[in-house]
Protein backbone atom coordinates (compact mmCIF):
# COMPACT_ATOMS: atom_id res chain seq x y z
CA MET A 1 -7.59 -2.45 17.00
CA THR A 2 -4.46 -2.16 14.93
CA VAL A 3 -3.47 -1.64 11.30
CA ASN A 4 -0.82 -3.11 9.06
CA ALA A 5 0.24 -1.35 5.88
CA ILE A 6 2.11 -2.72 2.88
CA ILE A 7 3.83 -0.31 0.48
CA LEU A 8 4.82 -2.05 -2.76
CA THR A 9 8.10 -0.76 -4.19
CA GLY A 10 9.59 -3.77 -5.95
CA GLY A 11 8.77 -3.02 -9.58
CA ARG A 12 11.23 -2.39 -12.40
CA SER A 13 9.56 0.92 -13.44
CA ARG A 14 10.12 -0.03 -17.08
CA ARG A 15 7.65 2.53 -18.43
CA PHE A 16 9.36 5.19 -16.35
CA GLY A 17 12.78 4.57 -17.79
CA GLY A 18 13.85 2.29 -14.95
CA GLU A 19 13.93 5.09 -12.35
CA HIS A 20 12.69 3.96 -8.93
CA LYS A 21 9.30 5.65 -8.81
CA PRO A 22 8.76 5.57 -5.01
CA GLY A 23 11.95 7.61 -4.62
CA VAL A 24 10.91 10.31 -7.08
CA GLU A 25 10.50 13.76 -5.52
CA VAL A 26 7.07 15.37 -5.65
CA ALA A 27 6.53 18.81 -4.14
CA GLY A 28 9.67 18.64 -2.05
CA ARG A 29 9.26 15.11 -0.72
CA SER A 30 9.77 11.63 -2.12
CA THR A 31 6.70 9.74 -3.24
CA ILE A 32 7.17 6.96 -0.69
CA SER A 33 7.70 9.48 2.10
CA ARG A 34 4.41 11.14 1.20
CA ILE A 35 2.65 7.76 1.25
CA LEU A 36 4.16 6.88 4.63
CA ALA A 37 3.06 10.24 6.07
CA SER A 38 -0.50 9.56 4.90
CA ILE A 39 -0.45 6.12 6.51
CA ARG A 40 0.75 7.66 9.79
CA GLY A 41 -1.95 10.32 9.52
CA ALA A 42 -4.64 7.67 9.14
CA ALA A 43 -3.26 5.21 11.72
CA ALA A 44 -0.37 6.59 13.76
CA ASP A 45 0.59 3.21 15.22
CA ALA A 46 0.37 1.23 11.98
CA GLN A 47 2.99 -1.45 11.45
CA VAL A 48 4.41 -0.68 8.00
CA TRP A 49 6.09 -3.13 5.66
CA VAL A 50 7.90 -1.97 2.53
CA ALA A 51 7.89 -4.80 -0.01
CA GLY A 52 10.93 -3.88 -2.07
CA PRO A 53 13.61 -1.19 -1.79
CA ALA A 54 13.11 1.52 0.85
CA ASP A 55 14.98 4.09 -1.27
CA GLY A 56 13.37 7.50 -0.86
CA LEU A 57 12.78 7.17 2.87
CA SER A 58 15.02 9.05 5.27
CA GLY A 59 17.09 7.16 7.81
CA ALA A 60 14.59 8.02 10.53
CA GLU A 61 11.66 6.88 8.36
CA GLN A 62 13.41 3.60 7.54
CA LYS A 63 13.79 2.85 11.24
CA GLY A 64 9.99 2.95 11.54
CA VAL A 65 9.28 0.40 8.80
CA ARG A 66 10.17 -3.21 8.06
CA VAL A 67 11.60 -4.12 4.68
CA VAL A 68 10.89 -7.43 2.94
CA ARG A 69 11.46 -8.66 -0.59
CA GLU A 70 9.52 -11.05 -2.77
CA GLU A 71 11.25 -14.20 -3.99
CA PRO A 72 12.32 -14.15 -6.72
CA GLU A 73 12.83 -10.41 -7.05
CA PHE A 74 10.58 -8.62 -9.54
CA ALA A 75 7.96 -11.38 -9.24
CA GLY A 76 5.18 -8.80 -9.21
CA PRO A 77 3.01 -6.93 -6.71
CA LEU A 78 1.04 -10.01 -5.65
CA ALA A 79 4.33 -11.65 -4.66
CA GLY A 80 5.25 -8.49 -2.74
CA ILE A 81 1.97 -8.61 -0.85
CA ALA A 82 2.55 -12.28 -0.05
CA ALA A 83 6.10 -11.61 1.21
CA ALA A 84 4.88 -8.86 3.53
CA ALA A 85 1.96 -10.95 4.79
CA ASP A 86 4.33 -13.84 5.52
CA ALA A 87 6.50 -11.48 7.61
CA MET A 88 3.61 -10.14 9.66
CA PRO A 89 3.22 -11.64 13.12
CA THR A 90 0.32 -13.87 13.97
CA GLU A 91 -1.32 -14.27 17.36
CA ALA A 92 0.87 -17.30 18.08
CA ALA A 93 4.00 -15.23 17.50
CA PHE A 94 3.31 -12.76 20.30
CA GLN A 95 5.41 -13.08 23.40
CA PRO A 96 5.17 -11.12 26.69
CA GLU A 97 8.17 -8.96 25.73
CA THR A 98 6.28 -7.78 22.66
CA ALA A 99 3.30 -6.58 24.64
CA PHE A 100 3.26 -3.32 22.67
CA GLN A 101 1.77 -5.46 19.89
CA ALA A 102 -1.14 -6.59 22.00
CA GLU A 103 -3.10 -7.92 19.03
CA THR A 104 -2.58 -8.69 15.40
CA ALA A 105 -3.80 -6.08 12.95
CA ASP A 106 -7.46 -6.41 12.05
CA VAL A 107 -6.97 -4.36 8.86
CA THR A 108 -4.14 -4.35 6.34
CA LEU A 109 -3.66 -1.53 3.84
CA VAL A 110 -2.22 -2.52 0.47
CA LEU A 111 -0.71 0.44 -1.37
CA ALA A 112 1.25 0.96 -4.57
CA GLY A 113 4.47 2.91 -4.08
CA ASP A 114 3.75 5.42 -6.84
CA MET A 115 0.65 7.26 -5.59
CA PRO A 116 1.95 10.53 -4.11
CA MET A 117 -1.49 12.13 -3.83
CA VAL A 118 -3.08 9.53 -1.57
CA THR A 119 -4.37 11.21 1.59
CA ALA A 120 -4.68 10.22 5.22
CA GLY A 121 -8.38 10.99 4.96
CA HIS A 122 -8.91 8.50 2.14
CA LEU A 123 -6.88 5.80 3.88
CA GLY A 124 -8.85 6.39 7.08
CA GLU A 125 -12.09 5.98 5.16
CA LEU A 126 -10.85 2.74 3.61
CA ILE A 127 -9.95 1.42 7.07
CA SER A 128 -13.27 2.37 8.64
CA THR A 129 -15.27 0.94 5.71
CA CYS A 130 -13.32 -2.30 5.84
CA ARG A 131 -14.04 -2.63 9.56
CA ALA A 132 -17.72 -1.77 9.16
CA THR A 133 -18.37 -4.19 6.29
CA GLY A 134 -15.85 -6.97 6.89
CA ARG A 135 -14.97 -6.73 3.21
CA PRO A 136 -12.05 -5.34 1.23
CA ALA A 137 -12.53 -1.59 0.74
CA VAL A 138 -11.34 0.06 -2.46
CA GLY A 139 -11.63 3.29 -4.40
CA THR A 140 -11.79 3.76 -8.15
CA ASP A 141 -9.38 5.59 -10.44
CA ASP A 142 -10.08 8.36 -12.96
CA ARG A 143 -11.31 5.77 -15.48
CA GLY A 144 -13.75 4.20 -13.06
CA ARG A 145 -11.62 1.10 -12.56
CA THR A 146 -11.12 -0.56 -9.20
CA GLN A 147 -7.82 0.56 -7.68
CA PHE A 148 -6.60 -2.78 -6.35
CA LEU A 149 -3.40 -1.22 -5.03
CA CYS A 150 -5.07 1.29 -2.76
CA ALA A 151 -7.19 -0.96 -0.61
CA ALA A 152 -7.93 -1.98 2.97
CA TRP A 153 -8.34 -5.66 3.72
CA PRO A 154 -9.54 -7.64 6.72
CA THR A 155 -6.17 -9.14 7.61
CA GLY A 156 -7.47 -12.67 8.10
CA LEU A 157 -9.25 -12.58 4.76
CA LEU A 158 -6.13 -11.31 2.97
CA ARG A 159 -4.09 -14.16 4.45
CA ALA A 160 -6.78 -16.67 3.46
CA ARG A 161 -6.92 -15.44 -0.12
CA LEU A 162 -3.13 -15.60 -0.45
CA THR A 163 -3.20 -19.18 0.83
CA GLU A 164 -5.90 -20.10 -1.66
CA ILE A 165 -3.97 -18.56 -4.56
CA GLY A 166 -0.77 -20.38 -3.70
CA ASP A 167 2.29 -19.39 -5.71
CA PRO A 168 1.95 -15.61 -6.23
CA THR A 169 4.79 -15.30 -8.76
CA ASP A 170 3.73 -12.99 -11.60
CA GLY A 171 0.11 -13.29 -10.53
CA ALA A 172 -2.42 -10.49 -10.99
CA VAL A 173 -3.43 -8.62 -7.83
CA LYS A 174 -7.08 -8.81 -8.90
CA LEU A 175 -6.91 -12.55 -8.16
CA LEU A 176 -7.25 -11.57 -4.51
CA LEU A 177 -10.78 -10.36 -5.19
CA THR A 178 -11.99 -13.40 -7.12
CA GLY A 179 -15.46 -14.25 -5.84
CA LEU A 180 -15.51 -11.26 -3.48
CA GLU A 181 -17.55 -8.06 -3.66
CA PRO A 182 -15.43 -5.18 -2.39
CA ALA A 183 -16.91 -2.17 -0.64
CA VAL A 184 -16.34 0.82 -2.90
CA VAL A 185 -15.37 4.09 -1.25
CA SER A 186 -16.03 7.35 -3.06
CA VAL A 187 -12.84 9.29 -3.71
CA ALA A 188 -11.68 12.08 -6.00
CA PRO A 189 -9.88 10.27 -8.85
CA GLU A 190 -6.67 12.26 -8.49
CA VAL A 191 -6.19 10.97 -4.93
CA VAL A 192 -5.45 7.47 -6.27
CA SER A 193 -3.51 8.66 -9.32
CA ASP A 194 -0.22 6.93 -10.01
CA PHE A 195 2.36 7.73 -12.65
CA ASP A 196 4.08 5.70 -15.34
CA THR A 197 5.27 8.49 -17.60
CA ALA A 198 7.03 11.82 -17.18
CA ALA A 199 3.88 13.60 -18.34
CA GLU A 200 1.76 11.92 -15.67
CA LEU A 201 4.34 12.83 -13.03
CA GLU A 202 4.37 16.47 -14.11
CA ALA A 203 0.56 16.59 -13.96
CA ILE A 204 0.71 15.35 -10.36
CA ARG A 205 3.43 17.85 -9.48
CA ALA A 206 1.32 20.65 -10.94
CA ARG A 207 -1.65 19.64 -8.79
CA LEU A 208 0.48 19.57 -5.64
CA SER A 209 2.29 22.81 -6.40
CA PRO A 210 1.19 25.83 -4.31
CA ASP A 211 0.54 27.57 -7.60
CA GLY A 212 -1.14 24.59 -9.22
CA PRO A 213 -4.80 24.14 -10.14
């Protein structure tokens, strides 16, 4: 069984002064590089799509991902998810020369590009819970809210929900879960922490510092 992963990087980062958050350095490594490493730790052979700019990844890392962009640009994370899902191969697309992709991914991770503390262990738990339940698997943030942008989806269900929603432009990601009951995975809140302000970024850096709490 295989895994797809979508890293969403197409936002304007307005609340962060317009700086591209996935490219921001945290503990010696860009945020998106840290996320990619966690994906590889959870599923080494995952097919990874970056929905938006790949800035922050090294040249070698960029060779291992596929970059897509929502249309129009800045149409929101739901549009980014839809663009990546449209680019993913289906069973009909497989040809003998692509035998290394022997099957389409049964699970697709959907991840925000500004969560530098997400771990391979948490992503692995999301994947295994999704497979065991056949439902989307999510964690909750430090306020007890569902973290829609750190989730594992049955790939077929994700495609079906996107089809049902139709035009994803400026749509809310929570629309994907309308009428569904996700499987909630216990996780330390800081693991799914993102940052929108300099203060939130510094708090994350302090946690990841060797001398941090």
